[in-house]
Amino acid sequence: MKNSIVAIAVIVFLGAFQQEAVAQKAKKEINNWQILSMVLMQKKFDENIGLDVDVPKFGKKVKALDGEIIKIKGYILPLKASKNQKYFILSAVPFNQCFFCGGAGPESVMEVFSKKAVKSSKKPVTLKGKLQVNYNPSIGQVLYTLKDAEVIEE
């Protein structure tokens, strides 16, 4: 009987310890979209086109991610009519709320070049790849590019 009680106590303790470890891991996970939102857009007159254009001023944490391998979760916005995409836009929010629909800012999307074709889906996907910060984006270019991206199974 005592052995059964001790065994149950050990099982309960180990279960609680495992739950705490999972909770701690979740707290440590970084939301890279939050970091990438640390950018201010400033108006600057462009002599070539004769208009004010938005010029990004990136925060220190964003600059620190430039050239780093990051993990990021988002929604695929396909750039061509195909069920599999190697080049697409990743959005922090679903299509109907995205930057291109006027529902979010330019910091909420990134251009993605993947190693292998990624199946289009309305569900979020987690990717890992090398982040490139576009310090001087041309008109029509997004602020961030993810290169050599791979899907991460969660």
N, C-alpha and C. Protein backbone atom coordinates (compact mmCIF):
# COMPACT_ATOMS: atom_id res chain seq x y z
N MET A 1 0.83 -1.20 0.00
CA MET A 1 0.00 0.00 0.00
C MET A 1 0.88 1.26 0.00
N LYS A 2 1.91 1.26 0.90
CA LYS A 2 2.80 2.42 0.96
C LYS A 2 3.51 2.62 -0.38
N ASN A 3 3.90 1.51 -1.00
CA ASN A 3 4.59 1.59 -2.28
C ASN A 3 3.69 2.21 -3.34
N SER A 4 2.41 1.88 -3.31
CA SER A 4 1.45 2.44 -4.27
C SER A 4 1.30 3.93 -4.06
N ILE A 5 1.22 4.37 -2.82
CA ILE A 5 1.08 5.79 -2.51
C ILE A 5 2.32 6.55 -2.96
N VAL A 6 3.49 5.99 -2.69
CA VAL A 6 4.76 6.61 -3.11
C VAL A 6 4.81 6.69 -4.63
N ALA A 7 4.43 5.63 -5.29
CA ALA A 7 4.44 5.62 -6.76
C ALA A 7 3.49 6.67 -7.32
N ILE A 8 2.32 6.78 -6.76
CA ILE A 8 1.35 7.80 -7.22
C ILE A 8 1.90 9.20 -6.97
N ALA A 9 2.51 9.41 -5.82
CA ALA A 9 3.08 10.73 -5.50
C ALA A 9 4.18 11.09 -6.49
N VAL A 10 5.02 10.11 -6.83
CA VAL A 10 6.10 10.36 -7.80
C VAL A 10 5.53 10.69 -9.17
N ILE A 11 4.50 9.96 -9.59
CA ILE A 11 3.87 10.22 -10.89
C ILE A 11 3.27 11.62 -10.93
N VAL A 12 2.57 12.00 -9.86
CA VAL A 12 1.96 13.34 -9.79
C VAL A 12 3.04 14.41 -9.83
N PHE A 13 4.13 14.20 -9.06
CA PHE A 13 5.22 15.16 -9.03
C PHE A 13 5.86 15.31 -10.41
N LEU A 14 6.15 14.20 -11.07
CA LEU A 14 6.76 14.25 -12.40
C LEU A 14 5.84 14.90 -13.42
N GLY A 15 4.55 14.64 -13.33
CA GLY A 15 3.58 15.28 -14.23
C GLY A 15 3.56 16.78 -14.05
N ALA A 16 3.57 17.23 -12.78
CA ALA A 16 3.58 18.66 -12.49
C ALA A 16 4.87 19.30 -12.99
N PHE A 17 5.99 18.61 -12.80
CA PHE A 17 7.29 19.11 -13.25
C PHE A 17 7.31 19.25 -14.77
N GLN A 18 6.76 18.26 -15.48
CA GLN A 18 6.73 18.30 -16.93
C GLN A 18 5.85 19.46 -17.42
N GLN A 19 4.70 19.68 -16.77
CA GLN A 19 3.82 20.78 -17.15
C GLN A 19 4.52 22.12 -16.96
N GLU A 20 5.26 22.26 -15.86
CA GLU A 20 6.00 23.49 -15.60
C GLU A 20 7.08 23.70 -16.67
N ALA A 21 7.76 22.64 -17.08
CA ALA A 21 8.80 22.74 -18.11
C ALA A 21 8.19 23.19 -19.44
N VAL A 22 7.02 22.66 -19.78
CA VAL A 22 6.34 23.06 -21.02
C VAL A 22 5.93 24.54 -20.93
N ALA A 23 5.42 24.96 -19.79
CA ALA A 23 5.02 26.35 -19.60
C ALA A 23 6.22 27.29 -19.72
N GLN A 24 7.36 26.89 -19.15
CA GLN A 24 8.57 27.71 -19.23
C GLN A 24 9.07 27.82 -20.67
N LYS A 25 8.99 26.72 -21.42
CA LYS A 25 9.42 26.74 -22.82
C LYS A 25 8.54 27.69 -23.62
N ALA A 26 7.23 27.67 -23.37
CA ALA A 26 6.32 28.56 -24.07
C ALA A 26 6.64 30.02 -23.77
N LYS A 27 7.01 30.33 -22.53
CA LYS A 27 7.37 31.70 -22.16
C LYS A 27 8.63 32.16 -22.88
N LYS A 28 9.58 31.21 -23.10
CA LYS A 28 10.85 31.54 -23.74
C LYS A 28 10.72 31.72 -25.24
N GLU A 29 9.66 31.16 -25.84
CA GLU A 29 9.48 31.28 -27.29
C GLU A 29 9.33 32.77 -27.63
N ILE A 30 10.04 33.19 -28.61
CA ILE A 30 10.03 34.59 -29.01
C ILE A 30 9.03 34.79 -30.14
N ASN A 31 8.23 35.82 -30.03
CA ASN A 31 7.34 36.18 -31.12
C ASN A 31 8.09 37.18 -31.99
N ASN A 32 8.69 36.69 -33.07
CA ASN A 32 9.50 37.56 -33.91
C ASN A 32 8.68 38.64 -34.60
N TRP A 33 7.38 38.43 -34.80
CA TRP A 33 6.55 39.49 -35.38
C TRP A 33 6.54 40.71 -34.45
N GLN A 34 6.54 40.49 -33.14
CA GLN A 34 6.57 41.62 -32.20
C GLN A 34 7.86 42.40 -32.36
N ILE A 35 8.97 41.68 -32.50
CA ILE A 35 10.25 42.37 -32.68
C ILE A 35 10.25 43.11 -34.02
N LEU A 36 9.78 42.46 -35.08
CA LEU A 36 9.79 43.09 -36.40
C LEU A 36 8.87 44.31 -36.48
N SER A 37 7.96 44.43 -35.52
CA SER A 37 7.07 45.61 -35.52
C SER A 37 7.78 46.84 -34.96
N MET A 38 9.00 46.68 -34.48
CA MET A 38 9.76 47.79 -33.92
C MET A 38 10.43 48.60 -35.03
N VAL A 39 9.59 49.23 -35.83
CA VAL A 39 10.05 50.05 -36.95
C VAL A 39 9.14 51.27 -37.06
N LEU A 40 9.73 52.40 -37.33
CA LEU A 40 8.97 53.62 -37.56
C LEU A 40 9.09 53.98 -39.04
N MET A 41 7.98 54.41 -39.60
CA MET A 41 8.00 54.84 -40.99
C MET A 41 8.02 56.37 -41.01
N GLN A 42 9.02 56.92 -41.66
CA GLN A 42 9.18 58.37 -41.75
C GLN A 42 9.01 58.81 -43.20
N LYS A 43 8.36 59.95 -43.38
CA LYS A 43 8.18 60.52 -44.72
C LYS A 43 9.46 61.22 -45.16
N LYS A 44 9.82 60.98 -46.43
CA LYS A 44 10.99 61.63 -47.00
C LYS A 44 10.67 61.92 -48.47
N PHE A 45 11.01 63.11 -48.92
CA PHE A 45 10.75 63.48 -50.31
C PHE A 45 11.75 62.78 -51.22
N ASP A 46 11.22 62.09 -52.23
CA ASP A 46 12.05 61.39 -53.21
C ASP A 46 12.13 62.25 -54.46
N GLU A 47 13.32 62.77 -54.76
CA GLU A 47 13.54 63.65 -55.92
C GLU A 47 13.22 62.95 -57.23
N ASN A 48 13.51 61.65 -57.33
CA ASN A 48 13.32 60.91 -58.58
C ASN A 48 11.86 60.80 -58.99
N ILE A 49 10.98 60.62 -58.02
CA ILE A 49 9.56 60.46 -58.38
C ILE A 49 8.72 61.68 -57.99
N GLY A 50 9.33 62.62 -57.26
CA GLY A 50 8.63 63.84 -56.91
C GLY A 50 7.53 63.67 -55.88
N LEU A 51 7.66 62.67 -55.01
CA LEU A 51 6.65 62.39 -53.99
C LEU A 51 7.30 62.08 -52.65
N ASP A 52 6.53 62.26 -51.58
CA ASP A 52 6.97 61.77 -50.28
C ASP A 52 6.83 60.26 -50.25
N VAL A 53 7.84 59.59 -49.75
CA VAL A 53 7.79 58.13 -49.61
C VAL A 53 8.08 57.78 -48.15
N ASP A 54 7.61 56.60 -47.75
CA ASP A 54 7.89 56.12 -46.40
C ASP A 54 9.27 55.47 -46.37
N VAL A 55 10.07 55.87 -45.41
CA VAL A 55 11.41 55.32 -45.22
C VAL A 55 11.43 54.67 -43.83
N PRO A 56 11.83 53.40 -43.76
CA PRO A 56 11.83 52.73 -42.45
C PRO A 56 13.03 53.11 -41.58
N LYS A 57 12.75 53.21 -40.29
CA LYS A 57 13.81 53.38 -39.30
C LYS A 57 13.63 52.23 -38.31
N PHE A 58 14.54 51.26 -38.38
CA PHE A 58 14.42 50.02 -37.63
C PHE A 58 15.01 50.16 -36.23
N GLY A 59 14.35 49.51 -35.27
CA GLY A 59 14.84 49.47 -33.90
C GLY A 59 16.05 48.55 -33.76
N LYS A 60 16.74 48.66 -32.62
CA LYS A 60 17.95 47.87 -32.37
C LYS A 60 17.69 46.36 -32.41
N LYS A 61 16.55 45.93 -31.87
CA LYS A 61 16.26 44.50 -31.85
C LYS A 61 16.02 43.96 -33.26
N VAL A 62 15.43 44.77 -34.12
CA VAL A 62 15.23 44.36 -35.52
C VAL A 62 16.59 44.24 -36.19
N LYS A 63 17.43 45.24 -36.02
CA LYS A 63 18.76 45.22 -36.63
C LYS A 63 19.57 44.01 -36.15
N ALA A 64 19.38 43.62 -34.90
CA ALA A 64 20.09 42.46 -34.35
C ALA A 64 19.67 41.16 -35.02
N LEU A 65 18.45 41.10 -35.55
CA LEU A 65 17.97 39.90 -36.24
C LEU A 65 18.43 39.80 -37.69
N ASP A 66 18.91 40.92 -38.25
CA ASP A 66 19.33 40.93 -39.65
C ASP A 66 20.46 39.93 -39.87
N GLY A 67 20.24 38.99 -40.79
CA GLY A 67 21.24 37.98 -41.10
C GLY A 67 21.16 36.74 -40.21
N GLU A 68 20.25 36.75 -39.25
CA GLU A 68 20.12 35.63 -38.32
C GLU A 68 19.09 34.61 -38.82
N ILE A 69 19.23 33.39 -38.37
CA ILE A 69 18.23 32.36 -38.63
C ILE A 69 17.12 32.56 -37.60
N ILE A 70 15.91 32.75 -38.09
CA ILE A 70 14.78 32.97 -37.18
C ILE A 70 13.68 31.94 -37.44
N LYS A 71 12.80 31.83 -36.50
CA LYS A 71 11.60 31.01 -36.61
C LYS A 71 10.42 31.97 -36.54
N ILE A 72 9.47 31.81 -37.46
CA ILE A 72 8.34 32.74 -37.51
C ILE A 72 7.09 32.02 -38.00
N LYS A 73 5.95 32.39 -37.44
CA LYS A 73 4.69 31.75 -37.77
C LYS A 73 3.80 32.78 -38.46
N GLY A 74 3.17 32.37 -39.56
CA GLY A 74 2.31 33.30 -40.27
C GLY A 74 1.47 32.60 -41.32
N TYR A 75 0.81 33.42 -42.12
CA TYR A 75 -0.12 32.95 -43.14
C TYR A 75 0.47 33.16 -44.53
N ILE A 76 0.37 32.14 -45.37
CA ILE A 76 0.90 32.22 -46.73
C ILE A 76 -0.04 33.04 -47.60
N LEU A 77 0.52 34.04 -48.27
CA LEU A 77 -0.20 34.80 -49.29
C LEU A 77 0.46 34.44 -50.61
N PRO A 78 -0.16 33.56 -51.38
CA PRO A 78 0.48 33.10 -52.62
C PRO A 78 0.64 34.22 -53.64
N LEU A 79 1.71 34.14 -54.41
CA LEU A 79 1.96 35.12 -55.45
C LEU A 79 1.66 34.58 -56.84
N LYS A 80 1.33 33.28 -56.92
CA LYS A 80 0.89 32.70 -58.19
C LYS A 80 -0.16 31.63 -57.88
N ALA A 81 -0.94 31.33 -58.88
CA ALA A 81 -2.01 30.34 -58.73
C ALA A 81 -1.42 28.94 -58.77
N SER A 82 -1.06 28.43 -57.61
CA SER A 82 -0.49 27.10 -57.50
C SER A 82 -0.69 26.62 -56.07
N LYS A 83 -0.89 25.31 -55.90
CA LYS A 83 -1.09 24.80 -54.54
C LYS A 83 0.23 24.70 -53.77
N ASN A 84 1.34 24.74 -54.48
CA ASN A 84 2.65 24.70 -53.86
C ASN A 84 3.43 25.96 -54.22
N GLN A 85 4.05 26.56 -53.21
CA GLN A 85 4.73 27.84 -53.40
C GLN A 85 6.18 27.76 -52.93
N LYS A 86 7.11 28.30 -53.72
CA LYS A 86 8.50 28.45 -53.28
C LYS A 86 8.82 29.93 -53.04
N TYR A 87 8.01 30.79 -53.62
CA TYR A 87 8.16 32.23 -53.45
C TYR A 87 6.78 32.78 -53.11
N PHE A 88 6.66 33.39 -51.93
CA PHE A 88 5.36 33.89 -51.48
C PHE A 88 5.57 34.96 -50.42
N ILE A 89 4.47 35.54 -49.99
CA ILE A 89 4.48 36.50 -48.89
C ILE A 89 3.96 35.78 -47.65
N LEU A 90 4.63 36.01 -46.53
CA LEU A 90 4.15 35.50 -45.24
C LEU A 90 3.61 36.69 -44.46
N SER A 91 2.41 36.53 -43.92
CA SER A 91 1.75 37.60 -43.19
C SER A 91 1.54 37.20 -41.73
N ALA A 92 1.69 38.15 -40.84
CA ALA A 92 1.45 37.89 -39.42
C ALA A 92 -0.02 37.64 -39.14
N VAL A 93 -0.88 38.13 -40.02
CA VAL A 93 -2.33 38.01 -39.83
C VAL A 93 -2.95 37.35 -41.07
N PRO A 94 -4.16 36.79 -40.92
CA PRO A 94 -4.82 36.16 -42.07
C PRO A 94 -5.03 37.12 -43.24
N PHE A 95 -5.24 36.55 -44.41
CA PHE A 95 -5.37 37.29 -45.67
C PHE A 95 -6.33 38.48 -45.58
N ASN A 96 -7.51 38.26 -44.99
CA ASN A 96 -8.52 39.32 -44.95
C ASN A 96 -8.16 40.47 -44.01
N GLN A 97 -7.08 40.33 -43.25
CA GLN A 97 -6.64 41.39 -42.34
C GLN A 97 -5.24 41.90 -42.68
N CYS A 98 -4.69 41.45 -43.79
CA CYS A 98 -3.27 41.69 -44.06
C CYS A 98 -2.99 43.11 -44.55
N PHE A 99 -1.72 43.41 -44.65
CA PHE A 99 -1.23 44.71 -45.09
C PHE A 99 -1.80 45.10 -46.45
N PHE A 100 -1.89 44.16 -47.37
CA PHE A 100 -2.33 44.45 -48.73
C PHE A 100 -3.83 44.76 -48.79
N CYS A 101 -4.56 44.36 -47.75
CA CYS A 101 -5.99 44.65 -47.67
C CYS A 101 -6.25 45.87 -46.79
N GLY A 102 -5.20 46.50 -46.30
CA GLY A 102 -5.33 47.69 -45.47
C GLY A 102 -5.55 47.41 -44.00
N GLY A 103 -5.40 46.15 -43.58
CA GLY A 103 -5.69 45.81 -42.19
C GLY A 103 -4.48 45.77 -41.27
N ALA A 104 -3.27 45.94 -41.81
CA ALA A 104 -2.06 45.87 -40.99
C ALA A 104 -0.98 46.74 -41.62
N GLY A 105 0.11 46.91 -40.91
CA GLY A 105 1.21 47.74 -41.40
C GLY A 105 2.22 46.95 -42.22
N PRO A 106 3.16 47.66 -42.85
CA PRO A 106 4.16 47.00 -43.70
C PRO A 106 5.10 46.07 -42.94
N GLU A 107 5.19 46.25 -41.63
CA GLU A 107 6.05 45.38 -40.81
C GLU A 107 5.44 44.00 -40.57
N SER A 108 4.22 43.79 -41.02
CA SER A 108 3.50 42.54 -40.75
C SER A 108 3.58 41.53 -41.90
N VAL A 109 4.41 41.82 -42.90
CA VAL A 109 4.58 40.89 -44.02
C VAL A 109 6.06 40.73 -44.36
N MET A 110 6.38 39.59 -44.95
CA MET A 110 7.75 39.37 -45.44
C MET A 110 7.71 38.53 -46.70
N GLU A 111 8.66 38.79 -47.54
CA GLU A 111 8.86 38.02 -48.77
C GLU A 111 9.60 36.75 -48.38
N VAL A 112 9.17 35.60 -48.92
CA VAL A 112 9.79 34.33 -48.55
C VAL A 112 10.28 33.59 -49.79
N PHE A 113 11.51 33.11 -49.71
CA PHE A 113 12.10 32.22 -50.70
C PHE A 113 12.37 30.92 -49.96
N SER A 114 11.63 29.86 -50.29
CA SER A 114 11.79 28.60 -49.56
C SER A 114 12.66 27.62 -50.34
N LYS A 115 13.30 26.72 -49.59
CA LYS A 115 14.14 25.69 -50.21
C LYS A 115 13.29 24.71 -51.01
N LYS A 116 12.16 24.32 -50.42
CA LYS A 116 11.23 23.38 -51.06
C LYS A 116 9.87 24.04 -51.16
N ALA A 117 9.07 23.59 -52.09
CA ALA A 117 7.72 24.13 -52.24
C ALA A 117 6.91 23.90 -50.97
N VAL A 118 6.16 24.91 -50.59
CA VAL A 118 5.32 24.87 -49.40
C VAL A 118 3.87 24.84 -49.85
N LYS A 119 3.09 23.93 -49.29
CA LYS A 119 1.69 23.80 -49.66
C LYS A 119 0.90 24.99 -49.14
N SER A 120 0.16 25.65 -50.02
CA SER A 120 -0.68 26.77 -49.63
C SER A 120 -1.78 26.29 -48.70
N SER A 121 -2.10 27.10 -47.72
CA SER A 121 -3.12 26.75 -46.74
C SER A 121 -3.65 28.03 -46.11
N LYS A 122 -4.86 27.96 -45.61
CA LYS A 122 -5.42 29.10 -44.88
C LYS A 122 -5.02 29.05 -43.41
N LYS A 123 -4.37 27.94 -43.02
CA LYS A 123 -3.90 27.78 -41.65
C LYS A 123 -2.49 28.36 -41.53
N PRO A 124 -2.11 28.84 -40.35
CA PRO A 124 -0.75 29.38 -40.20
C PRO A 124 0.30 28.28 -40.34
N VAL A 125 1.46 28.69 -40.79
CA VAL A 125 2.60 27.79 -40.98
C VAL A 125 3.80 28.40 -40.24
N THR A 126 4.65 27.55 -39.69
CA THR A 126 5.85 28.03 -39.02
C THR A 126 7.04 27.75 -39.92
N LEU A 127 7.84 28.79 -40.14
CA LEU A 127 9.00 28.70 -41.01
C LEU A 127 10.27 29.03 -40.25
N LYS A 128 11.38 28.50 -40.75
CA LYS A 128 12.70 28.86 -40.24
C LYS A 128 13.53 29.25 -41.44
N GLY A 129 14.24 30.38 -41.34
CA GLY A 129 15.09 30.82 -42.43
C GLY A 129 15.93 32.01 -42.03
N LYS A 130 16.73 32.49 -42.97
CA LYS A 130 17.63 33.62 -42.71
C LYS A 130 16.91 34.93 -43.03
N LEU A 131 16.82 35.79 -42.02
CA LEU A 131 16.13 37.06 -42.18
C LEU A 131 17.05 38.11 -42.81
N GLN A 132 16.49 38.81 -43.78
CA GLN A 132 17.19 39.95 -44.38
C GLN A 132 16.32 41.17 -44.15
N VAL A 133 16.86 42.19 -43.51
CA VAL A 133 16.17 43.45 -43.30
C VAL A 133 16.47 44.34 -44.50
N ASN A 134 15.44 44.83 -45.14
CA ASN A 134 15.61 45.69 -46.32
C ASN A 134 15.63 47.15 -45.86
N TYR A 135 16.83 47.65 -45.61
CA TYR A 135 17.00 48.99 -45.04
C TYR A 135 16.56 50.10 -45.99
N ASN A 136 16.70 49.89 -47.27
CA ASN A 136 16.30 50.88 -48.27
C ASN A 136 15.40 50.23 -49.31
N PRO A 137 14.20 49.85 -48.90
CA PRO A 137 13.33 49.14 -49.85
C PRO A 137 12.89 50.05 -50.99
N SER A 138 12.89 49.47 -52.19
CA SER A 138 12.39 50.22 -53.33
C SER A 138 10.86 50.20 -53.27
N ILE A 139 10.23 51.04 -54.05
CA ILE A 139 8.77 51.09 -54.06
C ILE A 139 8.25 49.72 -54.48
N GLY A 140 7.34 49.18 -53.69
CA GLY A 140 6.78 47.87 -53.96
C GLY A 140 7.50 46.74 -53.26
N GLN A 141 8.65 47.01 -52.64
CA GLN A 141 9.38 45.98 -51.93
C GLN A 141 8.99 46.00 -50.45
N VAL A 142 8.86 44.82 -49.84
CA VAL A 142 8.51 44.75 -48.43
C VAL A 142 9.76 44.95 -47.56
N LEU A 143 9.54 45.14 -46.26
CA LEU A 143 10.64 45.47 -45.35
C LEU A 143 11.55 44.29 -45.03
N TYR A 144 10.98 43.07 -45.12
CA TYR A 144 11.74 41.89 -44.70
C TYR A 144 11.70 40.79 -45.75
N THR A 145 12.80 40.03 -45.80
CA THR A 145 12.88 38.87 -46.68
C THR A 145 13.38 37.69 -45.85
N LEU A 146 12.75 36.53 -46.03
CA LEU A 146 13.20 35.30 -45.38
C LEU A 146 13.75 34.39 -46.47
N LYS A 147 15.03 34.06 -46.37
CA LYS A 147 15.69 33.24 -47.40
C LYS A 147 15.96 31.83 -46.89
N ASP A 148 16.01 30.89 -47.83
CA ASP A 148 16.27 29.48 -47.52
C ASP A 148 15.30 28.96 -46.46
N ALA A 149 14.06 29.37 -46.57
CA ALA A 149 13.05 29.01 -45.57
C ALA A 149 12.67 27.53 -45.65
N GLU A 150 12.38 26.98 -44.50
CA GLU A 150 11.92 25.60 -44.36
C GLU A 150 10.72 25.58 -43.43
N VAL A 151 9.77 24.69 -43.70
CA VAL A 151 8.64 24.51 -42.81
C VAL A 151 9.09 23.77 -41.56
N ILE A 152 8.66 24.25 -40.42
CA ILE A 152 8.94 23.60 -39.13
C ILE A 152 7.64 22.97 -38.66
N GLU A 153 7.67 21.69 -38.39
CA GLU A 153 6.49 20.99 -37.87
C GLU A 153 6.40 21.27 -36.37
N GLU A 154 5.21 21.61 -35.91
CA GLU A 154 5.02 21.86 -34.47
C GLU A 154 4.11 20.84 -33.87
